[in-house]
PDB file of all heavy atoms in Angstrom:
ATOM      1  N   MET A   1     -81.823 -47.520 -92.154  1.00  0.00           N
ATOM      2  CA  MET A   1     -80.604 -47.784 -91.385  1.00  0.00           C
ATOM      3  C   MET A   1     -79.784 -46.516 -91.180  1.00  0.00           C
ATOM      4  O   MET A   1     -79.118 -46.348 -90.162  1.00  0.00           O
ATOM      5  CB  MET A   1     -79.757 -48.857 -92.076  1.00  0.00           C
ATOM      6  CG  MET A   1     -80.373 -50.258 -92.028  1.00  0.00           C
ATOM      7  SD  MET A   1     -80.658 -50.861 -90.327  1.00  0.00           S
ATOM      8  CE  MET A   1     -82.424 -50.543 -90.125  1.00  0.00           C
ATOM      9  N   GLN A   2     -79.844 -45.609 -92.140  1.00  0.00           N
ATOM     10  CA  GLN A   2     -79.167 -44.327 -91.966  1.00  0.00           C
ATOM     11  C   GLN A   2     -79.793 -43.552 -90.803  1.00  0.00           C
ATOM     12  O   GLN A   2     -79.086 -43.016 -89.943  1.00  0.00           O
ATOM     13  CB  GLN A   2     -79.253 -43.497 -93.248  1.00  0.00           C
ATOM     14  CG  GLN A   2     -78.501 -42.167 -93.157  1.00  0.00           C
ATOM     15  CD  GLN A   2     -78.600 -41.370 -94.454  1.00  0.00           C
ATOM     16  OE1 GLN A   2     -79.560 -41.508 -95.219  1.00  0.00           O
ATOM     17  NE2 GLN A   2     -77.617 -40.533 -94.709  1.00  0.00           N
ATOM     18  N   GLY A   3     -81.129 -43.535 -90.769  1.00  0.00           N
ATOM     19  CA  GLY A   3     -81.820 -42.859 -89.673  1.00  0.00           C
ATOM     20  C   GLY A   3     -81.562 -43.521 -88.334  1.00  0.00           C
ATOM     21  O   GLY A   3     -81.334 -42.844 -87.312  1.00  0.00           O
ATOM     22  N   PHE A   4     -81.559 -44.851 -88.319  1.00  0.00           N
ATOM     23  CA  PHE A   4     -81.284 -45.597 -87.092  1.00  0.00           C
ATOM     24  C   PHE A   4     -79.865 -45.308 -86.597  1.00  0.00           C
ATOM     25  O   PHE A   4     -79.628 -45.089 -85.405  1.00  0.00           O
ATOM     26  CB  PHE A   4     -81.469 -47.092 -87.372  1.00  0.00           C
ATOM     27  CG  PHE A   4     -81.237 -47.981 -86.187  1.00  0.00           C
ATOM     28  CD1 PHE A   4     -81.993 -47.851 -85.023  1.00  0.00           C
ATOM     29  CD2 PHE A   4     -80.264 -48.976 -86.232  1.00  0.00           C
ATOM     30  CE1 PHE A   4     -81.779 -48.681 -83.934  1.00  0.00           C
ATOM     31  CE2 PHE A   4     -80.050 -49.814 -85.158  1.00  0.00           C
ATOM     32  CZ  PHE A   4     -80.800 -49.663 -84.000  1.00  0.00           C
ATOM     33  N   GLY A   5     -78.905 -45.288 -87.531  1.00  0.00           N
ATOM     34  CA  GLY A   5     -77.519 -44.998 -87.167  1.00  0.00           C
ATOM     35  C   GLY A   5     -77.353 -43.601 -86.599  1.00  0.00           C
ATOM     36  O   GLY A   5     -76.586 -43.395 -85.646  1.00  0.00           O
ATOM     37  N   ILE A   6     -78.064 -42.635 -87.167  1.00  0.00           N
ATOM     38  CA  ILE A   6     -77.985 -41.254 -86.671  1.00  0.00           C
ATOM     39  C   ILE A   6     -78.542 -41.166 -85.256  1.00  0.00           C
ATOM     40  O   ILE A   6     -77.963 -40.503 -84.378  1.00  0.00           O
ATOM     41  CB  ILE A   6     -78.740 -40.296 -87.620  1.00  0.00           C
ATOM     42  CG1 ILE A   6     -77.964 -40.159 -88.940  1.00  0.00           C
ATOM     43  CG2 ILE A   6     -78.943 -38.935 -86.977  1.00  0.00           C
ATOM     44  CD1 ILE A   6     -78.718 -39.426 -90.023  1.00  0.00           C
ATOM     45  N   ARG A   7     -79.660 -41.860 -84.991  1.00  0.00           N
ATOM     46  CA  ARG A   7     -80.234 -41.860 -83.633  1.00  0.00           C
ATOM     47  C   ARG A   7     -79.239 -42.444 -82.627  1.00  0.00           C
ATOM     48  O   ARG A   7     -79.047 -41.907 -81.540  1.00  0.00           O
ATOM     49  CB  ARG A   7     -81.519 -42.692 -83.604  1.00  0.00           C
ATOM     50  CG  ARG A   7     -82.715 -42.067 -84.291  1.00  0.00           C
ATOM     51  CD  ARG A   7     -83.935 -42.965 -84.148  1.00  0.00           C
ATOM     52  NE  ARG A   7     -85.030 -42.517 -84.978  1.00  0.00           N
ATOM     53  CZ  ARG A   7     -85.898 -41.567 -84.630  1.00  0.00           C
ATOM     54  NH1 ARG A   7     -85.761 -40.966 -83.465  1.00  0.00           N
ATOM     55  NH2 ARG A   7     -86.877 -41.223 -85.445  1.00  0.00           N
ATOM     56  N   ILE A   8     -78.608 -43.553 -83.008  1.00  0.00           N
ATOM     57  CA  ILE A   8     -77.636 -44.181 -82.118  1.00  0.00           C
ATOM     58  C   ILE A   8     -76.448 -43.250 -81.882  1.00  0.00           C
ATOM     59  O   ILE A   8     -75.991 -43.064 -80.742  1.00  0.00           O
ATOM     60  CB  ILE A   8     -77.155 -45.525 -82.704  1.00  0.00           C
ATOM     61  CG1 ILE A   8     -78.278 -46.565 -82.635  1.00  0.00           C
ATOM     62  CG2 ILE A   8     -75.920 -46.033 -81.967  1.00  0.00           C
ATOM     63  CD1 ILE A   8     -77.918 -47.892 -83.272  1.00  0.00           C
ATOM     64  N   ALA A   9     -75.932 -42.649 -82.958  1.00  0.00           N
ATOM     65  CA  ALA A   9     -74.756 -41.782 -82.841  1.00  0.00           C
ATOM     66  C   ALA A   9     -75.044 -40.574 -81.947  1.00  0.00           C
ATOM     67  O   ALA A   9     -74.246 -40.249 -81.053  1.00  0.00           O
ATOM     68  CB  ALA A   9     -74.314 -41.320 -84.228  1.00  0.00           C
ATOM     69  N   LYS A  10     -76.169 -39.927 -82.169  1.00  0.00           N
ATOM     70  CA  LYS A  10     -76.508 -38.755 -81.351  1.00  0.00           C
ATOM     71  C   LYS A  10     -76.692 -39.144 -79.892  1.00  0.00           C
ATOM     72  O   LYS A  10     -76.204 -38.464 -78.979  1.00  0.00           O
ATOM     73  CB  LYS A  10     -77.778 -38.084 -81.878  1.00  0.00           C
ATOM     74  CG  LYS A  10     -77.572 -37.312 -83.167  1.00  0.00           C
ATOM     75  CD  LYS A  10     -78.853 -36.612 -83.589  1.00  0.00           C
ATOM     76  CE  LYS A  10     -78.627 -35.735 -84.819  1.00  0.00           C
ATOM     77  NZ  LYS A  10     -79.879 -35.062 -85.251  1.00  0.00           N
ATOM     78  N   GLY A  11     -77.397 -40.244 -79.656  1.00  0.00           N
ATOM     79  CA  GLY A  11     -77.658 -40.677 -78.289  1.00  0.00           C
ATOM     80  C   GLY A  11     -76.399 -41.089 -77.547  1.00  0.00           C
ATOM     81  O   GLY A  11     -76.175 -40.697 -76.399  1.00  0.00           O
ATOM     82  N   LEU A  12     -75.539 -41.883 -78.211  1.00  0.00           N
ATOM     83  CA  LEU A  12     -74.317 -42.341 -77.553  1.00  0.00           C
ATOM     84  C   LEU A  12     -73.336 -41.191 -77.343  1.00  0.00           C
ATOM     85  O   LEU A  12     -72.670 -41.111 -76.304  1.00  0.00           O
ATOM     86  CB  LEU A  12     -73.662 -43.461 -78.366  1.00  0.00           C
ATOM     87  CG  LEU A  12     -74.391 -44.811 -78.348  1.00  0.00           C
ATOM     88  CD1 LEU A  12     -73.685 -45.805 -79.260  1.00  0.00           C
ATOM     89  CD2 LEU A  12     -74.491 -45.369 -76.934  1.00  0.00           C
ATOM     90  N   ASN A  13     -73.230 -40.279 -78.305  1.00  0.00           N
ATOM     91  CA  ASN A  13     -72.343 -39.131 -78.131  1.00  0.00           C
ATOM     92  C   ASN A  13     -72.795 -38.267 -76.959  1.00  0.00           C
ATOM     93  O   ASN A  13     -71.972 -37.804 -76.165  1.00  0.00           O
ATOM     94  CB  ASN A  13     -72.284 -38.296 -79.412  1.00  0.00           C
ATOM     95  CG  ASN A  13     -71.170 -38.732 -80.342  1.00  0.00           C
ATOM     96  OD1 ASN A  13     -70.179 -39.296 -79.903  1.00  0.00           O
ATOM     97  ND2 ASN A  13     -71.324 -38.469 -81.625  1.00  0.00           N
ATOM     98  N   ALA A  14     -74.098 -38.047 -76.840  1.00  0.00           N
ATOM     99  CA  ALA A  14     -74.602 -37.264 -75.709  1.00  0.00           C
ATOM    100  C   ALA A  14     -74.306 -37.973 -74.395  1.00  0.00           C
ATOM    101  O   ALA A  14     -73.901 -37.341 -73.407  1.00  0.00           O
ATOM    102  CB  ALA A  14     -76.103 -37.030 -75.867  1.00  0.00           C
ATOM    103  N   MET A  15     -74.486 -39.292 -74.362  1.00  0.00           N
ATOM    104  CA  MET A  15     -74.232 -40.055 -73.141  1.00  0.00           C
ATOM    105  C   MET A  15     -72.745 -40.051 -72.772  1.00  0.00           C
ATOM    106  O   MET A  15     -72.376 -39.993 -71.606  1.00  0.00           O
ATOM    107  CB  MET A  15     -74.747 -41.490 -73.342  1.00  0.00           C
ATOM    108  CG  MET A  15     -74.651 -42.389 -72.123  1.00  0.00           C
ATOM    109  SD  MET A  15     -73.114 -43.333 -72.123  1.00  0.00           S
ATOM    110  CE  MET A  15     -73.388 -44.466 -73.477  1.00  0.00           C
ATOM    111  N   MET A  16     -71.861 -40.098 -73.788  1.00  0.00           N
ATOM    112  CA  MET A  16     -70.417 -40.144 -73.543  1.00  0.00           C
ATOM    113  C   MET A  16     -69.801 -38.752 -73.414  1.00  0.00           C
ATOM    114  O   MET A  16     -68.602 -38.625 -73.178  1.00  0.00           O
ATOM    115  CB  MET A  16     -69.719 -40.909 -74.681  1.00  0.00           C
ATOM    116  CG  MET A  16     -70.101 -42.369 -74.791  1.00  0.00           C
ATOM    117  SD  MET A  16     -69.119 -43.286 -76.053  1.00  0.00           S
ATOM    118  CE  MET A  16     -69.618 -42.443 -77.553  1.00  0.00           C
ATOM    119  N   HIS A  17     -70.622 -37.689 -73.622  1.00  0.00           N
ATOM    120  CA  HIS A  17     -70.138 -36.297 -73.568  1.00  0.00           C
ATOM    121  C   HIS A  17     -69.003 -36.054 -74.559  1.00  0.00           C
ATOM    122  O   HIS A  17     -67.954 -35.516 -74.213  1.00  0.00           O
ATOM    123  CB  HIS A  17     -69.678 -35.943 -72.142  1.00  0.00           C
ATOM    124  CG  HIS A  17     -70.724 -36.146 -71.104  1.00  0.00           C
ATOM    125  ND1 HIS A  17     -71.862 -35.361 -71.027  1.00  0.00           N
ATOM    126  CD2 HIS A  17     -70.823 -37.065 -70.106  1.00  0.00           C
ATOM    127  CE1 HIS A  17     -72.613 -35.775 -70.021  1.00  0.00           C
ATOM    128  NE2 HIS A  17     -72.014 -36.822 -69.456  1.00  0.00           N
ATOM    129  N   ARG A  18     -69.246 -36.467 -75.796  1.00  0.00           N
ATOM    130  CA  ARG A  18     -68.267 -36.235 -76.835  1.00  0.00           C
ATOM    131  C   ARG A  18     -68.986 -36.069 -78.162  1.00  0.00           C
ATOM    132  O   ARG A  18     -70.225 -36.136 -78.230  1.00  0.00           O
ATOM    133  CB  ARG A  18     -67.245 -37.376 -76.899  1.00  0.00           C
ATOM    134  CG  ARG A  18     -67.811 -38.741 -77.234  1.00  0.00           C
ATOM    135  CD  ARG A  18     -66.710 -39.782 -77.242  1.00  0.00           C
ATOM    136  NE  ARG A  18     -65.724 -39.494 -78.282  1.00  0.00           N
ATOM    137  CZ  ARG A  18     -64.467 -39.954 -78.281  1.00  0.00           C
ATOM    138  NH1 ARG A  18     -64.046 -40.695 -77.280  1.00  0.00           N
ATOM    139  NH2 ARG A  18     -63.641 -39.684 -79.264  1.00  0.00           N
ATOM    140  N   SER A  19     -68.247 -35.820 -79.222  1.00  0.00           N
ATOM    141  CA  SER A  19     -68.842 -35.687 -80.549  1.00  0.00           C
ATOM    142  C   SER A  19     -68.000 -36.475 -81.539  1.00  0.00           C
ATOM    143  O   SER A  19     -66.922 -36.950 -81.208  1.00  0.00           O
ATOM    144  CB  SER A  19     -68.903 -34.211 -80.962  1.00  0.00           C
ATOM    145  OG  SER A  19     -67.596 -33.667 -81.017  1.00  0.00           O
ATOM    146  N   GLY A  20     -68.502 -36.584 -82.750  1.00  0.00           N
ATOM    147  CA  GLY A  20     -67.752 -37.280 -83.784  1.00  0.00           C
ATOM    148  C   GLY A  20     -68.345 -38.621 -84.138  1.00  0.00           C
ATOM    149  O   GLY A  20     -69.479 -38.957 -83.777  1.00  0.00           O
ATOM    150  N   ARG A  21     -67.550 -39.405 -84.819  1.00  0.00           N
ATOM    151  CA  ARG A  21     -67.999 -40.679 -85.376  1.00  0.00           C
ATOM    152  C   ARG A  21     -68.304 -41.688 -84.274  1.00  0.00           C
ATOM    153  O   ARG A  21     -67.569 -41.811 -83.302  1.00  0.00           O
ATOM    154  CB  ARG A  21     -66.903 -41.238 -86.299  1.00  0.00           C
ATOM    155  CG  ARG A  21     -67.273 -42.480 -87.063  1.00  0.00           C
ATOM    156  CD  ARG A  21     -66.190 -42.777 -88.092  1.00  0.00           C
ATOM    157  NE  ARG A  21     -64.903 -42.988 -87.449  1.00  0.00           N
ATOM    158  CZ  ARG A  21     -64.438 -44.193 -87.122  1.00  0.00           C
ATOM    159  NH1 ARG A  21     -65.147 -45.279 -87.377  1.00  0.00           N
ATOM    160  NH2 ARG A  21     -63.271 -44.312 -86.541  1.00  0.00           N
ATOM    161  N   VAL A  22     -69.383 -42.431 -84.442  1.00  0.00           N
ATOM    162  CA  VAL A  22     -69.766 -43.491 -83.503  1.00  0.00           C
ATOM    163  C   VAL A  22     -69.748 -44.847 -84.204  1.00  0.00           C
ATOM    164  O   VAL A  22     -69.252 -45.829 -83.649  1.00  0.00           O
ATOM    165  CB  VAL A  22     -71.155 -43.219 -82.891  1.00  0.00           C
ATOM    166  CG1 VAL A  22     -71.710 -44.465 -82.197  1.00  0.00           C
ATOM    167  CG2 VAL A  22     -71.077 -42.062 -81.905  1.00  0.00           C
ATOM    168  N   LEU A  23     -70.289 -44.910 -85.411  1.00  0.00           N
ATOM    169  CA  LEU A  23     -70.293 -46.173 -86.150  1.00  0.00           C
ATOM    170  C   LEU A  23     -68.893 -46.460 -86.676  1.00  0.00           C
ATOM    171  O   LEU A  23     -68.227 -45.580 -87.233  1.00  0.00           O
ATOM    172  CB  LEU A  23     -71.289 -46.113 -87.306  1.00  0.00           C
ATOM    173  CG  LEU A  23     -72.764 -45.917 -86.922  1.00  0.00           C
ATOM    174  CD1 LEU A  23     -73.632 -45.924 -88.166  1.00  0.00           C
ATOM    175  CD2 LEU A  23     -73.224 -46.972 -85.946  1.00  0.00           C
ATOM    176  N   GLY A  24     -68.447 -47.698 -86.503  1.00  0.00           N
ATOM    177  CA  GLY A  24     -67.110 -48.067 -86.926  1.00  0.00           C
ATOM    178  C   GLY A  24     -66.988 -48.265 -88.423  1.00  0.00           C
ATOM    179  O   GLY A  24     -65.911 -48.148 -88.989  1.00  0.00           O
ATOM    180  N   ASP A  25     -68.096 -48.555 -89.081  1.00  0.00           N
ATOM    181  CA  ASP A  25     -68.072 -48.822 -90.514  1.00  0.00           C
ATOM    182  C   ASP A  25     -69.508 -48.735 -91.013  1.00  0.00           C
ATOM    183  O   ASP A  25     -70.449 -48.627 -90.220  1.00  0.00           O
ATOM    184  CB  ASP A  25     -67.495 -50.221 -90.777  1.00  0.00           C
ATOM    185  CG  ASP A  25     -66.869 -50.344 -92.165  1.00  0.00           C
ATOM    186  OD1 ASP A  25     -67.202 -49.514 -93.034  1.00  0.00           O
ATOM    187  OD2 ASP A  25     -66.068 -51.259 -92.373  1.00  0.00           O
ATOM    188  N   ARG A  26     -69.687 -48.805 -92.302  1.00  0.00           N
ATOM    189  CA  ARG A  26     -71.052 -48.844 -92.813  1.00  0.00           C
ATOM    190  C   ARG A  26     -71.665 -50.203 -92.471  1.00  0.00           C
ATOM    191  O   ARG A  26     -70.940 -51.191 -92.270  1.00  0.00           O
ATOM    192  CB  ARG A  26     -71.096 -48.578 -94.311  1.00  0.00           C
ATOM    193  CG  ARG A  26     -70.319 -49.539 -95.175  1.00  0.00           C
ATOM    194  CD  ARG A  26     -70.281 -49.077 -96.617  1.00  0.00           C
ATOM    195  NE  ARG A  26     -70.528 -50.195 -97.529  1.00  0.00           N
ATOM    196  CZ  ARG A  26     -71.207 -50.089 -98.657  1.00  0.00           C
ATOM    197  NH1 ARG A  26     -71.733 -48.927 -99.008  1.00  0.00           N
ATOM    198  NH2 ARG A  26     -71.386 -51.135 -99.438  1.00  0.00           N
ATOM    199  N   TYR A  27     -72.987 -50.245 -92.410  1.00  0.00           N
ATOM    200  CA  TYR A  27     -73.642 -51.477 -91.979  1.00  0.00           C
ATOM    201  C   TYR A  27     -73.477 -52.583 -93.023  1.00  0.00           C
ATOM    202  O   TYR A  27     -73.342 -52.336 -94.211  1.00  0.00           O
ATOM    203  CB  TYR A  27     -75.121 -51.228 -91.667  1.00  0.00           C
ATOM    204  CG  TYR A  27     -75.992 -50.943 -92.872  1.00  0.00           C
ATOM    205  CD1 TYR A  27     -76.603 -51.974 -93.580  1.00  0.00           C
ATOM    206  CD2 TYR A  27     -76.225 -49.630 -93.293  1.00  0.00           C
ATOM    207  CE1 TYR A  27     -77.402 -51.718 -94.685  1.00  0.00           C
ATOM    208  CE2 TYR A  27     -77.026 -49.358 -94.390  1.00  0.00           C
ATOM    209  CZ  TYR A  27     -77.608 -50.401 -95.077  1.00  0.00           C
ATOM    210  OH  TYR A  27     -78.399 -50.141 -96.177  1.00  0.00           O
ATOM    211  N   HIS A  28     -73.501 -53.816 -92.535  1.00  0.00           N
ATOM    212  CA  HIS A  28     -73.455 -54.986 -93.416  1.00  0.00           C
ATOM    213  C   HIS A  28     -74.866 -55.552 -93.505  1.00  0.00           C
ATOM    214  O   HIS A  28     -75.566 -55.668 -92.499  1.00  0.00           O
ATOM    215  CB  HIS A  28     -72.503 -56.044 -92.851  1.00  0.00           C
ATOM    216  CG  HIS A  28     -72.486 -57.302 -93.660  1.00  0.00           C
ATOM    217  ND1 HIS A  28     -73.307 -58.388 -93.385  1.00  0.00           N
ATOM    218  CD2 HIS A  28     -71.762 -57.645 -94.746  1.00  0.00           C
ATOM    219  CE1 HIS A  28     -73.083 -59.339 -94.270  1.00  0.00           C
ATOM    220  NE2 HIS A  28     -72.149 -58.931 -95.098  1.00  0.00           N
ATOM    221  N   ALA A  29     -75.308 -55.888 -94.712  1.00  0.00           N
ATOM    222  CA  ALA A  29     -76.660 -56.419 -94.910  1.00  0.00           C
ATOM    223  C   ALA A  29     -76.612 -57.685 -95.760  1.00  0.00           C
ATOM    224  O   ALA A  29     -75.951 -57.723 -96.797  1.00  0.00           O
ATOM    225  CB  ALA A  29     -77.545 -55.376 -95.590  1.00  0.00           C
ATOM    226  N   HIS A  30     -77.314 -58.716 -95.282  1.00  0.00           N
ATOM    227  CA  HIS A  30     -77.419 -59.967 -96.033  1.00  0.00           C
ATOM    228  C   HIS A  30     -78.894 -60.283 -96.221  1.00  0.00           C
ATOM    229  O   HIS A  30     -79.631 -60.513 -95.254  1.00  0.00           O
ATOM    230  CB  HIS A  30     -76.732 -61.105 -95.274  1.00  0.00           C
ATOM    231  CG  HIS A  30     -76.916 -62.444 -95.919  1.00  0.00           C
ATOM    232  ND1 HIS A  30     -76.446 -62.735 -97.184  1.00  0.00           N
ATOM    233  CD2 HIS A  30     -77.523 -63.579 -95.479  1.00  0.00           C
ATOM    234  CE1 HIS A  30     -76.759 -63.984 -97.489  1.00  0.00           C
ATOM    235  NE2 HIS A  30     -77.423 -64.508 -96.484  1.00  0.00           N
ATOM    236  N   VAL A  31     -79.351 -60.252 -97.468  1.00  0.00           N
ATOM    237  CA  VAL A  31     -80.759 -60.519 -97.786  1.00  0.00           C
ATOM    238  C   VAL A  31     -81.031 -62.012 -97.645  1.00  0.00           C
ATOM    239  O   VAL A  31     -80.297 -62.846 -98.175  1.00  0.00           O
ATOM    240  CB  VAL A  31     -81.104 -60.040 -99.217  1.00  0.00           C
ATOM    241  CG1 VAL A  31     -82.586 -60.281 -99.512  1.00  0.00           C
ATOM    242  CG2 VAL A  31     -80.757 -58.566 -99.390  1.00  0.00           C
ATOM    243  N   LEU A  32     -82.100 -62.350 -96.922  1.00  0.00           N
ATOM    244  CA  LEU A  32     -82.459 -63.758 -96.664  1.00  0.00           C
ATOM    245  C   LEU A  32     -83.545 -64.166 -97.653  1.00  0.00           C
ATOM    246  O   LEU A  32     -84.660 -63.660 -97.601  1.00  0.00           O
ATOM    247  CB  LEU A  32     -82.932 -63.904 -95.212  1.00  0.00           C
ATOM    248  CG  LEU A  32     -81.978 -63.334 -94.159  1.00  0.00           C
ATOM    249  CD1 LEU A  32     -82.608 -63.370 -92.774  1.00  0.00           C
ATOM    250  CD2 LEU A  32     -80.647 -64.069 -94.180  1.00  0.00           C
ATOM    251  N   ARG A  33     -83.222 -65.097 -98.525  1.00  0.00           N
ATOM    252  CA  ARG A  33     -84.140 -65.422 -99.620  1.00  0.00           C
ATOM    253  C   ARG A  33     -84.759 -66.813 -99.517  1.00  0.00           C
ATOM    254  O   ARG A  33     -85.603 -67.162-100.326  1.00  0.00           O
ATOM    255  CB  ARG A  33     -83.414 -65.273-100.960  1.00  0.00           C
ATOM    256  CG  ARG A  33     -82.967 -63.834-101.245  1.00  0.00           C
ATOM    257  CD  ARG A  33     -82.266 -63.723-102.576  1.00  0.00           C
ATOM    258  NE  ARG A  33     -81.826 -62.366-102.871  1.00  0.00           N
ATOM    259  CZ  ARG A  33     -82.582 -61.432-103.461  1.00  0.00           C
ATOM    260  NH1 ARG A  33     -83.814 -61.720-103.832  1.00  0.00           N
ATOM    261  NH2 ARG A  33     -82.096 -60.233-103.692  1.00  0.00           N
ATOM    262  N   THR A  34     -84.315 -67.626 -98.569  1.00  0.00           N
ATOM    263  CA  THR A  34     -84.870 -68.978 -98.432  1.00  0.00           C
ATOM    264  C   THR A  34     -85.203 -69.249 -96.963  1.00  0.00           C
ATOM    265  O   THR A  34     -84.630 -68.620 -96.065  1.00  0.00           O
ATOM    266  CB  THR A  34     -83.870 -70.047 -98.910  1.00  0.00           C
ATOM    267  OG1 THR A  34     -82.753 -70.085 -98.004  1.00  0.00           O
ATOM    268  CG2 THR A  34     -83.363 -69.749-100.320  1.00  0.00           C
ATOM    269  N   PRO A  35     -86.087 -70.199 -96.688  1.00  0.00           N
ATOM    270  CA  PRO A  35     -86.395 -70.551 -95.293  1.00  0.00           C
ATOM    271  C   PRO A  35     -85.162 -71.012 -94.514  1.00  0.00           C
ATOM    272  O   PRO A  35     -85.003 -70.682 -93.339  1.00  0.00           O
ATOM    273  CB  PRO A  35     -87.432 -71.672 -95.430  1.00  0.00           C
ATOM    274  CG  PRO A  35     -88.082 -71.418 -96.745  1.00  0.00           C
ATOM    275  CD  PRO A  35     -86.994 -70.889 -97.634  1.00  0.00           C
TER     276      PRO A  35
END
């Protein structure tokens, strides 16, 4: 997820012609343990 976030941040910053933070917060994860 860190690598995925970096790809998104670099790509979106290049598209928006800016730099800096792109993700608003750290990712939320919920492990699914039952059907």
